[in-house]
C-alpha atoms as a PDB file:
ATOM      1  CA  MET A   1      12.108  18.923 -17.568  1.00  0.00           C
ATOM      2  CA  ARG A   2      12.663  14.992 -16.359  1.00  0.00           C
ATOM      3  CA  VAL A   3       9.001  13.848 -14.873  1.00  0.00           C
ATOM      4  CA  GLY A   4       9.530  10.836 -13.145  1.00  0.00           C
ATOM      5  CA  PHE A   5       6.476   7.832 -13.424  1.00  0.00           C
ATOM      6  CA  ILE A   6       5.591   5.519 -10.413  1.00  0.00           C
ATOM      7  CA  LEU A   7       2.838   2.893 -11.149  1.00  0.00           C
ATOM      8  CA  LYS A   8       0.475   1.198  -9.054  1.00  0.00           C
ATOM      9  CA  PRO A   9       2.049  -2.780  -9.039  1.00  0.00           C
ATOM     10  CA  ASP A  10      -1.284  -3.477 -10.634  1.00  0.00           C
ATOM     11  CA  LYS A  11      -0.780  -1.354 -13.640  1.00  0.00           C
ATOM     12  CA  THR A  12      -3.793  -2.102 -15.738  1.00  0.00           C
ATOM     13  CA  GLN A  13      -5.367   1.446 -14.772  1.00  0.00           C
ATOM     14  CA  ALA A  14      -2.106   3.200 -13.987  1.00  0.00           C
ATOM     15  CA  GLY A  15      -0.962   1.516 -17.321  1.00  0.00           C
ATOM     16  CA  VAL A  16      -4.000   3.896 -19.466  1.00  0.00           C
ATOM     17  CA  LEU A  17      -2.699   6.515 -17.968  1.00  0.00           C
ATOM     18  CA  LEU A  18       0.597   6.500 -18.219  1.00  0.00           C
ATOM     19  CA  GLU A  19      -0.590   5.807 -22.173  1.00  0.00           C
ATOM     20  CA  ASP A  20      -2.014   9.070 -22.071  1.00  0.00           C
ATOM     21  CA  LEU A  21      -0.022  11.076 -19.870  1.00  0.00           C
ATOM     22  CA  ILE A  22       3.734  11.039 -21.847  1.00  0.00           C
ATOM     23  CA  PRO A  23       2.692  11.494 -25.159  1.00  0.00           C
ATOM     24  CA  TRP A  24       1.815  14.753 -23.382  1.00  0.00           C
ATOM     25  CA  VAL A  25       4.918  15.414 -21.509  1.00  0.00           C
ATOM     26  CA  LEU A  26       6.332  14.782 -24.709  1.00  0.00           C
ATOM     27  CA  LYS A  27       4.065  16.946 -26.614  1.00  0.00           C
ATOM     28  CA  GLU A  28       5.190  19.817 -23.794  1.00  0.00           C
ATOM     29  CA  GLY A  29       9.046  19.700 -24.616  1.00  0.00           C
ATOM     30  CA  HIS A  30      10.006  17.513 -21.580  1.00  0.00           C
ATOM     31  CA  VAL A  31      11.271  14.071 -20.473  1.00  0.00           C
ATOM     32  CA  PRO A  32       9.732  11.426 -18.853  1.00  0.00           C
ATOM     33  CA  VAL A  33      11.568   8.621 -17.144  1.00  0.00           C
ATOM     34  CA  VAL A  34      10.020   5.270 -15.707  1.00  0.00           C
ATOM     35  CA  THR A  35      11.588   2.522 -13.466  1.00  0.00           C
ATOM     36  CA  THR A  36      12.375  -0.739 -15.083  1.00  0.00           C
ATOM     37  CA  GLU A  37      11.117  -1.998 -12.568  1.00  0.00           C
ATOM     38  CA  ASP A  38       8.100  -1.173 -13.208  1.00  0.00           C
ATOM     39  CA  GLN A  39       8.450  -3.161 -17.175  1.00  0.00           C
ATOM     40  CA  VAL A  40       6.959  -0.622 -19.198  1.00  0.00           C
ATOM     41  CA  SER A  41       8.302   0.885 -21.838  1.00  0.00           C
ATOM     42  CA  PRO A  42       6.092   3.754 -23.256  1.00  0.00           C
ATOM     43  CA  ALA A  43       7.462   5.029 -26.630  1.00  0.00           C
ATOM     44  CA  GLY A  44       9.616   7.977 -26.590  1.00  0.00           C
ATOM     45  CA  ALA A  45      10.457   7.360 -21.989  1.00  0.00           C
ATOM     46  CA  GLN A  46      14.191   7.254 -20.744  1.00  0.00           C
ATOM     47  CA  ILE A  47      13.683   4.317 -18.934  1.00  0.00           C
ATOM     48  CA  VAL A  48      16.525   3.933 -15.433  1.00  0.00           C
ATOM     49  CA  PRO A  49      16.459   1.514 -12.611  1.00  0.00           C
ATOM     50  CA  GLU A  50      15.419   2.614  -8.974  1.00  0.00           C
ATOM     51  CA  GLU A  51      18.246   3.174  -7.595  1.00  0.00           C
ATOM     52  CA  ASN A  52      18.881   5.924 -10.899  1.00  0.00           C
ATOM     53  CA  PHE A  53      15.562   6.650 -10.440  1.00  0.00           C
ATOM     54  CA  GLY A  54      16.107   9.720  -8.097  1.00  0.00           C
ATOM     55  CA  SER A  55      18.709  11.352  -9.771  1.00  0.00           C
ATOM     56  CA  GLU A  56      17.151  11.383 -13.197  1.00  0.00           C
ATOM     57  CA  CYS A  57      13.863  12.770 -12.376  1.00  0.00           C
ATOM     58  CA  ASP A  58      13.265  17.022 -11.191  1.00  0.00           C
ATOM     59  CA  LEU A  59       9.319  16.012 -10.060  1.00  0.00           C
ATOM     60  CA  VAL A  60       7.714  12.073  -9.808  1.00  0.00           C
ATOM     61  CA  VAL A  61       4.271  11.880 -10.667  1.00  0.00           C
ATOM     62  CA  CYS A  62       2.796   8.250  -8.574  1.00  0.00           C
ATOM     63  CA  LEU A  63       0.092   6.496 -10.332  1.00  0.00           C
ATOM     64  CA  GLY A  64      -1.617   5.054  -7.381  1.00  0.00           C
ATOM     65  CA  GLY A  65      -2.742   4.891  -4.314  1.00  0.00           C
ATOM     66  CA  ASP A  66      -0.439   5.770  -0.845  1.00  0.00           C
ATOM     67  CA  GLY A  67       1.464   2.596  -1.014  1.00  0.00           C
ATOM     68  CA  THR A  68       2.775   4.405  -4.537  1.00  0.00           C
ATOM     69  CA  ILE A  69       3.832   7.247  -2.649  1.00  0.00           C
ATOM     70  CA  LEU A  70       5.574   5.967   0.302  1.00  0.00           C
ATOM     71  CA  ARG A  71       7.391   3.777  -2.321  1.00  0.00           C
ATOM     72  CA  ALA A  72       8.230   7.068  -4.503  1.00  0.00           C
ATOM     73  CA  ALA A  73       9.341   8.722  -1.156  1.00  0.00           C
ATOM     74  CA  ARG A  74      11.703   5.884  -0.413  1.00  0.00           C
ATOM     75  CA  LEU A  75      12.898   6.241  -4.123  1.00  0.00           C
ATOM     76  CA  VAL A  76      12.779  10.110  -4.263  1.00  0.00           C
ATOM     77  CA  ALA A  77      12.600  12.475  -1.097  1.00  0.00           C
ATOM     78  CA  ASP A  78      16.416  12.497   0.521  1.00  0.00           C
ATOM     79  CA  LEU A  79      17.320  14.204  -2.640  1.00  0.00           C
ATOM     80  CA  GLY A  80      14.273  16.572  -2.607  1.00  0.00           C
ATOM     81  CA  ARG A  81      12.018  15.662  -5.706  1.00  0.00           C
ATOM     82  CA  PRO A  82       8.891  16.691  -4.872  1.00  0.00           C
ATOM     83  CA  VAL A  83       5.725  14.050  -5.981  1.00  0.00           C
ATOM     84  CA  LEU A  84       2.093  14.773  -7.632  1.00  0.00           C
ATOM     85  CA  GLY A  85      -0.378  11.974  -6.500  1.00  0.00           C
ATOM     86  CA  ILE A  86      -2.343  10.884  -8.571  1.00  0.00           C
ATOM     87  CA  ASN A  87      -5.240   8.425  -6.946  1.00  0.00           C
ATOM     88  CA  LEU A  88      -5.713   5.319  -8.490  1.00  0.00           C
ATOM     89  CA  GLY A  89      -6.193   3.248  -5.573  1.00  0.00           C
ATOM     90  CA  GLN A  90      -9.228   3.395  -2.736  1.00  0.00           C
ATOM     91  CA  LEU A  91      -8.459   6.534   0.196  1.00  0.00           C
ATOM     92  CA  GLY A  92      -5.833   8.000  -1.586  1.00  0.00           C
ATOM     93  CA  PHE A  93      -5.065  10.508   1.682  1.00  0.00           C
ATOM     94  CA  LEU A  94      -1.620  11.621   0.134  1.00  0.00           C
ATOM     95  CA  ALA A  95      -2.979  11.143  -3.405  1.00  0.00           C
ATOM     96  CA  GLY A  96      -4.272  14.370  -3.637  1.00  0.00           C
ATOM     97  CA  PHE A  97      -5.726  14.434  -7.244  1.00  0.00           C
ATOM     98  CA  SER A  98      -8.224  12.260  -9.554  1.00  0.00           C
ATOM     99  CA  PRO A  99      -7.403  10.413 -13.184  1.00  0.00           C
ATOM    100  CA  ALA A 100      -9.411  13.836 -14.477  1.00  0.00           C
ATOM    101  CA  GLU A 101      -7.758  16.157 -12.771  1.00  0.00           C
ATOM    102  CA  ALA A 102      -3.797  14.247 -13.542  1.00  0.00           C
ATOM    103  CA  GLN A 103      -2.835  16.586 -16.809  1.00  0.00           C
ATOM    104  CA  GLU A 104      -4.029  19.880 -15.227  1.00  0.00           C
ATOM    105  CA  GLY A 105      -1.918  18.734 -11.713  1.00  0.00           C
ATOM    106  CA  LEU A 106       0.895  18.001 -13.687  1.00  0.00           C
ATOM    107  CA  ALA A 107       1.183  21.375 -16.280  1.00  0.00           C
ATOM    108  CA  GLY A 108       0.354  23.178 -12.686  1.00  0.00           C
ATOM    109  CA  ALA A 109       3.744  21.161 -10.993  1.00  0.00           C
ATOM    110  CA  ILE A 110       6.046  21.926 -13.814  1.00  0.00           C
ATOM    111  CA  ALA A 111       4.761  25.403 -14.702  1.00  0.00           C
ATOM    112  CA  GLY A 112       5.625  25.883 -11.106  1.00  0.00           C
ATOM    113  CA  LYS A 113       2.153  26.588 -10.192  1.00  0.00           C
ATOM    114  CA  LEU A 114       0.915  24.095  -7.279  1.00  0.00           C
ATOM    115  CA  LYS A 115       2.213  24.295  -3.043  1.00  0.00           C
ATOM    116  CA  CYS A 116       4.199  21.782  -2.305  1.00  0.00           C
ATOM    117  CA  SER A 117       3.434  20.568   1.712  1.00  0.00           C
ATOM    118  CA  PRO A 118       6.392  19.278   3.596  1.00  0.00           C
ATOM    119  CA  ARG A 119       5.726  15.712   4.745  1.00  0.00           C
ATOM    120  CA  MET A 120       7.832  15.197   8.041  1.00  0.00           C
ATOM    121  CA  ARG A 121       9.840  11.715   7.985  1.00  0.00           C
ATOM    122  CA  LEU A 122      10.519   9.892  10.857  1.00  0.00           C
ATOM    123  CA  ALA A 123      14.854   8.635  10.525  1.00  0.00           C
ATOM    124  CA  VAL A 124      15.040   5.242  12.192  1.00  0.00           C
ATOM    125  CA  THR A 125      17.740   3.791  12.895  1.00  0.00           C
ATOM    126  CA  TYR A 126      18.383   0.055  13.760  1.00  0.00           C
ATOM    127  CA  LYS A 127      21.354  -1.032  16.171  1.00  0.00           C
ATOM    128  CA  ARG A 128      22.839  -4.451  17.037  1.00  0.00           C
ATOM    129  CA  ALA A 129      26.133  -5.563  18.021  1.00  0.00           C
ATOM    130  CA  GLY A 130      28.657  -6.298  15.890  1.00  0.00           C
ATOM    131  CA  ALA A 131      26.639  -4.738  12.911  1.00  0.00           C
ATOM    132  CA  GLU A 132      26.787  -1.765  11.447  1.00  0.00           C
ATOM    133  CA  PRO A 133      23.734   1.007  12.781  1.00  0.00           C
ATOM    134  CA  VAL A 134      21.027   1.251   9.821  1.00  0.00           C
ATOM    135  CA  THR A 135      19.063   3.722   8.932  1.00  0.00           C
ATOM    136  CA  ARG A 136      15.643   3.885   6.987  1.00  0.00           C
ATOM    137  CA  HIS A 137      12.985   6.666   6.659  1.00  0.00           C
ATOM    138  CA  ALA A 138       8.937   6.690   7.360  1.00  0.00           C
ATOM    139  CA  LEU A 139       7.060   8.662   5.633  1.00  0.00           C
ATOM    140  CA  ASN A 140       3.875   7.108   7.728  1.00  0.00           C
ATOM    141  CA  ASP A 141       4.709   4.609  10.637  1.00  0.00           C
ATOM    142  CA  ALA A 142       7.724   2.368  12.160  1.00  0.00           C
ATOM    143  CA  VAL A 143       5.454  -0.993  13.662  1.00  0.00           C
ATOM    144  CA  ILE A 144       6.902  -3.326  15.955  1.00  0.00           C
ATOM    145  CA  HIS A 145       4.740  -6.712  16.213  1.00  0.00           C
ATOM    146  CA  GLN A 146       5.492 -10.105  15.924  1.00  0.00           C
ATOM    147  CA  GLY A 147       5.744 -12.321  13.055  1.00  0.00           C
ATOM    148  CA  ALA A 148       3.954 -15.663  12.433  1.00  0.00           C
ATOM    149  CA  MET A 149       2.884 -15.962  15.988  1.00  0.00           C
ATOM    150  CA  ALA A 150      -0.391 -14.133  17.997  1.00  0.00           C
ATOM    151  CA  ARG A 151       1.648 -13.612  21.187  1.00  0.00           C
ATOM    152  CA  LEU A 152       2.257  -9.901  23.249  1.00  0.00           C
ATOM    153  CA  ILE A 153       5.726  -8.752  22.909  1.00  0.00           C
ATOM    154  CA  ASP A 154       7.190  -6.719  25.478  1.00  0.00           C
ATOM    155  CA  VAL A 155       9.271  -3.362  24.720  1.00  0.00           C
ATOM    156  CA  GLU A 156      10.312  -0.364  26.410  1.00  0.00           C
ATOM    157  CA  ALA A 157      10.453   3.001  25.424  1.00  0.00           C
ATOM    158  CA  TYR A 158      12.349   5.547  26.801  1.00  0.00           C
ATOM    159  CA  CYS A 159      12.015   9.173  25.418  1.00  0.00           C
ATOM    160  CA  ASP A 160      15.743  11.058  25.280  1.00  0.00           C
ATOM    161  CA  GLY A 161      16.520   8.332  27.517  1.00  0.00           C
ATOM    162  CA  GLN A 162      13.863   8.868  29.924  1.00  0.00           C
ATOM    163  CA  LEU A 163      11.438   5.896  29.965  1.00  0.00           C
ATOM    164  CA  ILE A 164       8.286   6.412  29.599  1.00  0.00           C
ATOM    165  CA  ALA A 165       6.588   2.884  29.913  1.00  0.00           C
ATOM    166  CA  ALA A 166       6.893  -1.197  29.966  1.00  0.00           C
ATOM    167  CA  TYR A 167       4.260  -2.168  27.069  1.00  0.00           C
ATOM    168  CA  ARG A 168       2.749  -5.759  26.684  1.00  0.00           C
ATOM    169  CA  ALA A 169       0.857  -5.334  23.722  1.00  0.00           C
ATOM    170  CA  ASP A 170       0.610  -7.464  20.273  1.00  0.00           C
ATOM    171  CA  GLY A 171       3.256  -4.287  18.768  1.00  0.00           C
ATOM    172  CA  LEU A 172       3.804  -0.802  18.485  1.00  0.00           C
ATOM    173  CA  ILE A 173       3.152   1.989  16.139  1.00  0.00           C
ATOM    174  CA  ILE A 174       5.637   5.071  16.057  1.00  0.00           C
ATOM    175  CA  ALA A 175       3.739   7.284  13.218  1.00  0.00           C
ATOM    176  CA  THR A 176       5.032  10.798  11.734  1.00  0.00           C
ATOM    177  CA  PRO A 177       1.668  13.424  11.367  1.00  0.00           C
ATOM    178  CA  THR A 178       1.276  11.965   8.186  1.00  0.00           C
ATOM    179  CA  GLY A 179       1.302   8.485   8.482  1.00  0.00           C
ATOM    180  CA  SER A 180      -1.521   8.843  11.797  1.00  0.00           C
ATOM    181  CA  THR A 181      -3.981   8.289   9.560  1.00  0.00           C
ATOM    182  CA  ALA A 182      -3.554   4.846   8.767  1.00  0.00           C
ATOM    183  CA  TYR A 183      -2.529   1.862  10.445  1.00  0.00           C
ATOM    184  CA  ASN A 184      -2.019   3.860  13.251  1.00  0.00           C
ATOM    185  CA  MET A 185      -5.790   5.796  13.129  1.00  0.00           C
ATOM    186  CA  ALA A 186      -7.115   1.901  12.636  1.00  0.00           C
ATOM    187  CA  ALA A 187      -5.415   0.805  16.252  1.00  0.00           C
ATOM    188  CA  GLY A 188      -6.880   3.935  17.797  1.00  0.00           C
ATOM    189  CA  GLY A 189      -3.844   6.285  17.918  1.00  0.00           C
ATOM    190  CA  PRO A 190      -4.295  10.451  17.375  1.00  0.00           C
ATOM    191  CA  ILE A 191      -5.239  11.823  13.667  1.00  0.00           C
ATOM    192  CA  VAL A 192      -2.014  14.529  13.756  1.00  0.00           C
ATOM    193  CA  VAL A 193      -2.347  17.490  11.825  1.00  0.00           C
ATOM    194  CA  PRO A 194       0.352  17.054   9.086  1.00  0.00           C
ATOM    195  CA  GLY A 195       2.663  20.248   9.601  1.00  0.00           C
ATOM    196  CA  GLN A 196       2.829  19.567  12.997  1.00  0.00           C
ATOM    197  CA  ALA A 197       6.963  18.181  13.988  1.00  0.00           C
ATOM    198  CA  ALA A 198       5.210  14.994  15.914  1.00  0.00           C
ATOM    199  CA  MET A 199       5.141  11.238  16.556  1.00  0.00           C
ATOM    200  CA  ALA A 200       2.449   9.414  18.366  1.00  0.00           C
ATOM    201  CA  ILE A 201       3.134   6.174  20.113  1.00  0.00           C
ATOM    202  CA  THR A 202       0.295   3.796  19.443  1.00  0.00           C
ATOM    203  CA  PRO A 203       0.369   0.576  21.074  1.00  0.00           C
ATOM    204  CA  ILE A 204      -1.730  -2.257  19.237  1.00  0.00           C
ATOM    205  CA  CYS A 205      -4.138  -3.887  21.478  1.00  0.00           C
ATOM    206  CA  ALA A 206      -2.127  -3.447  24.864  1.00  0.00           C
ATOM    207  CA  HIS A 207      -2.979  -5.613  27.883  1.00  0.00           C
ATOM    208  CA  ALA A 208      -3.089  -2.684  29.992  1.00  0.00           C
ATOM    209  CA  LEU A 209      -6.089  -0.476  29.422  1.00  0.00           C
ATOM    210  CA  THR A 210      -4.375   2.299  31.232  1.00  0.00           C
ATOM    211  CA  ASN A 211      -1.436   1.488  28.140  1.00  0.00           C
ATOM    212  CA  ARG A 212      -3.146   5.228  25.690  1.00  0.00           C
ATOM    213  CA  PRO A 213      -1.301   6.586  22.380  1.00  0.00           C
ATOM    214  CA  LEU A 214       0.789   9.384  23.166  1.00  0.00           C
ATOM    215  CA  VAL A 215       1.965  12.199  21.065  1.00  0.00           C
ATOM    216  CA  ILE A 216       5.859  13.233  21.439  1.00  0.00           C
ATOM    217  CA  GLY A 217       7.924  15.733  20.240  1.00  0.00           C
ATOM    218  CA  ALA A 218       9.582  15.081  17.043  1.00  0.00           C
ATOM    219  CA  ARG A 219      12.928  16.153  17.726  1.00  0.00           C
ATOM    220  CA  SER A 220      13.095  13.941  20.612  1.00  0.00           C
ATOM    221  CA  THR A 221      15.045  10.602  20.451  1.00  0.00           C
ATOM    222  CA  LEU A 222      12.855   7.412  21.184  1.00  0.00           C
ATOM    223  CA  ARG A 223      15.158   4.622  21.294  1.00  0.00           C
ATOM    224  CA  LEU A 224      12.777   1.332  21.775  1.00  0.00           C
ATOM    225  CA  GLN A 225      14.306  -2.640  23.466  1.00  0.00           C
ATOM    226  CA  LEU A 226      12.854  -5.671  24.084  1.00  0.00           C
ATOM    227  CA  ALA A 227      12.599  -7.063  27.046  1.00  0.00           C
ATOM    228  CA  ALA A 228      14.988 -10.387  26.988  1.00  0.00           C
ATOM    229  CA  ASP A 229      12.636 -13.905  26.462  1.00  0.00           C
ATOM    230  CA  ALA A 230      10.832 -11.663  23.948  1.00  0.00           C
ATOM    231  CA  ARG A 231      10.919 -13.918  20.069  1.00  0.00           C
ATOM    232  CA  GLY A 232      10.096 -13.447  16.528  1.00  0.00           C
ATOM    233  CA  VAL A 233       9.445  -9.635  17.014  1.00  0.00           C
ATOM    234  CA  ILE A 234       9.695  -7.767  13.595  1.00  0.00           C
ATOM    235  CA  LEU A 235      10.494  -4.463  12.887  1.00  0.00           C
ATOM    236  CA  THR A 236       8.785  -2.909   9.634  1.00  0.00           C
ATOM    237  CA  VAL A 237       9.206   1.261   7.906  1.00  0.00           C
ATOM    238  CA  ASP A 238       6.292   2.011   5.629  1.00  0.00           C
ATOM    239  CA  GLY A 239       5.638  -1.508   4.546  1.00  0.00           C
ATOM    240  CA  GLN A 240       8.759  -0.604   2.577  1.00  0.00           C
ATOM    241  CA  TRP A 241      11.638  -2.295   4.390  1.00  0.00           C
ATOM    242  CA  ALA A 242      11.275  -5.751   7.302  1.00  0.00           C
ATOM    243  CA  THR A 243      14.295  -6.811   9.436  1.00  0.00           C
ATOM    244  CA  SER A 244      14.565  -9.151  12.556  1.00  0.00           C
ATOM    245  CA  PHE A 245      14.073  -7.403  16.027  1.00  0.00           C
ATOM    246  CA  LEU A 246      16.104  -8.677  18.772  1.00  0.00           C
ATOM    247  CA  PRO A 247      16.812  -8.665  22.536  1.00  0.00           C
ATOM    248  CA  GLY A 248      19.815  -6.788  23.000  1.00  0.00           C
ATOM    249  CA  ASP A 249      18.795  -5.020  19.617  1.00  0.00           C
ATOM    250  CA  VAL A 250      17.681  -1.320  19.775  1.00  0.00           C
ATOM    251  CA  VAL A 251      16.124   0.863  17.338  1.00  0.00           C
ATOM    252  CA  GLU A 252      15.915   4.955  17.676  1.00  0.00           C
ATOM    253  CA  MET A 253      13.697   7.537  16.137  1.00  0.00           C
ATOM    254  CA  THR A 254      13.307  10.848  15.338  1.00  0.00           C
ATOM    255  CA  GLU A 255      12.849  13.158  12.698  1.00  0.00           C
ATOM    256  CA  SER A 256      14.110  12.937   9.654  1.00  0.00           C
ATOM    257  CA  GLN A 257      16.480  15.478   8.112  1.00  0.00           C
ATOM    258  CA  GLN A 258      14.788  15.775   4.815  1.00  0.00           C
ATOM    259  CA  PRO A 259      10.481  15.533   4.354  1.00  0.00           C
ATOM    260  CA  LEU A 260       9.353  14.984   1.088  1.00  0.00           C
ATOM    261  CA  LEU A 261       7.709  17.048  -1.020  1.00  0.00           C
ATOM    262  CA  LEU A 262       4.182  16.900  -1.686  1.00  0.00           C
ATOM    263  CA  PHE A 263       2.347  18.763  -4.496  1.00  0.00           C
ATOM    264  CA  ALA A 264      -1.116  20.119  -2.412  1.00  0.00           C
ATOM    265  CA  SER A 265      -4.564  19.857  -3.745  1.00  0.00           C
ATOM    266  CA  GLN A 266      -6.892  22.793  -3.796  1.00  0.00           C
ATOM    267  CA  GLN A 267      -8.288  20.697  -0.423  1.00  0.00           C
ATOM    268  CA  SER A 268      -7.283  21.284   2.789  1.00  0.00           C
ATOM    269  CA  PHE A 269      -6.728  18.789   5.520  1.00  0.00           C
ATOM    270  CA  PHE A 270     -10.019  18.708   7.042  1.00  0.00           C
ATOM    271  CA  ASP A 271     -12.109  19.123   3.095  1.00  0.00           C
ATOM    272  CA  VAL A 272      -9.749  15.753   3.047  1.00  0.00           C
ATOM    273  CA  MET A 273     -10.955  14.565   6.719  1.00  0.00           C
ATOM    274  CA  ARG A 274     -14.684  14.607   5.756  1.00  0.00           C
ATOM    275  CA  ASP A 275     -14.660  13.449   2.089  1.00  0.00           C
ATOM    276  CA  LYS A 276     -12.215  10.067   3.064  1.00  0.00           C
ATOM    277  CA  LEU A 277     -13.234   9.528   6.809  1.00  0.00           C
ATOM    278  CA  HIS A 278     -17.056  11.109   6.255  1.00  0.00           C
ATOM    279  CA  TRP A 279     -16.998  13.372   9.046  1.00  0.00           C
ATOM    280  CA  GLY A 280     -19.986  15.161   9.386  1.00  0.00           C
ATOM    281  CA  VAL A 281     -20.552  18.267   8.531  1.00  0.00           C
ATOM    282  CA  ARG A 282     -22.313  21.001  10.693  1.00  0.00           C
ATOM    283  CA  THR A 283     -24.286  24.008   9.603  1.00  0.00           C
ATOM    284  CA  ASP A 284     -25.321  26.995  12.120  1.00  0.00           C
ATOM    285  CA  LYS A 285     -29.212  26.791  10.765  1.00  0.00           C
ATOM    286  CA  GLY A 286     -31.191  26.467  13.992  1.00  0.00           C
ATOM    287  CA  ALA A 287     -28.653  26.104  16.354  1.00  0.00           C
ATOM    288  CA  ARG A 288     -28.846  27.072  19.941  1.00  0.00           C
END
């Protein structure tokens, strides 16, 4: 089996863990694969450019945090390669295994003993008159926001052709269930349990206090466009890709055909919420 490794940009801890895992992978008769962009060359590993990484791997191990998994999703999700996350970050909602569990988790993934959780992605299609449409895929979110200047933007949102609202806000977040615990949650949006076919629309500091977050079906088509006088607006997808968003441009979003396959830890989603967000654990002792 070809085992790909994606590393956190600050490679100090990730590099140490990689040096521990590579000999084990080789000893078990598998082929470790790393990217030229990660600028590491462990003995015995196959080194490939990012554009070939997905096709050269059977499964992928992320040594980092959730941002590292977002990068892996961009490289391998369309090819259906499953991803195992080893958390070297802070919160680590997606990276479900600790460094101490790395070898055991990888062994379980290779042996087919770990369950894969399909994580819905958004297909984000950006259209500009006179240019070919560009589609990018979001595991977490797509965000429309101001670039350098702090000013309100006016954006119209339509669901399957029906006007939802004309938002005046600092920006707009469209999040998947997976991304609902990221920027969306920080902006006051709803937490959506993974596995739901939904996307959350959350305005950032809306001018009208009655503009509340909204959850719509993932198979709907959400269309966004700007008011005529808007300027300096940016569209970002998973923090991995960005482009200017001009009046007359259109962005459409719907569920991507190919989810990310993520190896699940032994913890449930609610276990993770209690652990990461310090939700209280209710006991029935003495309850009336």
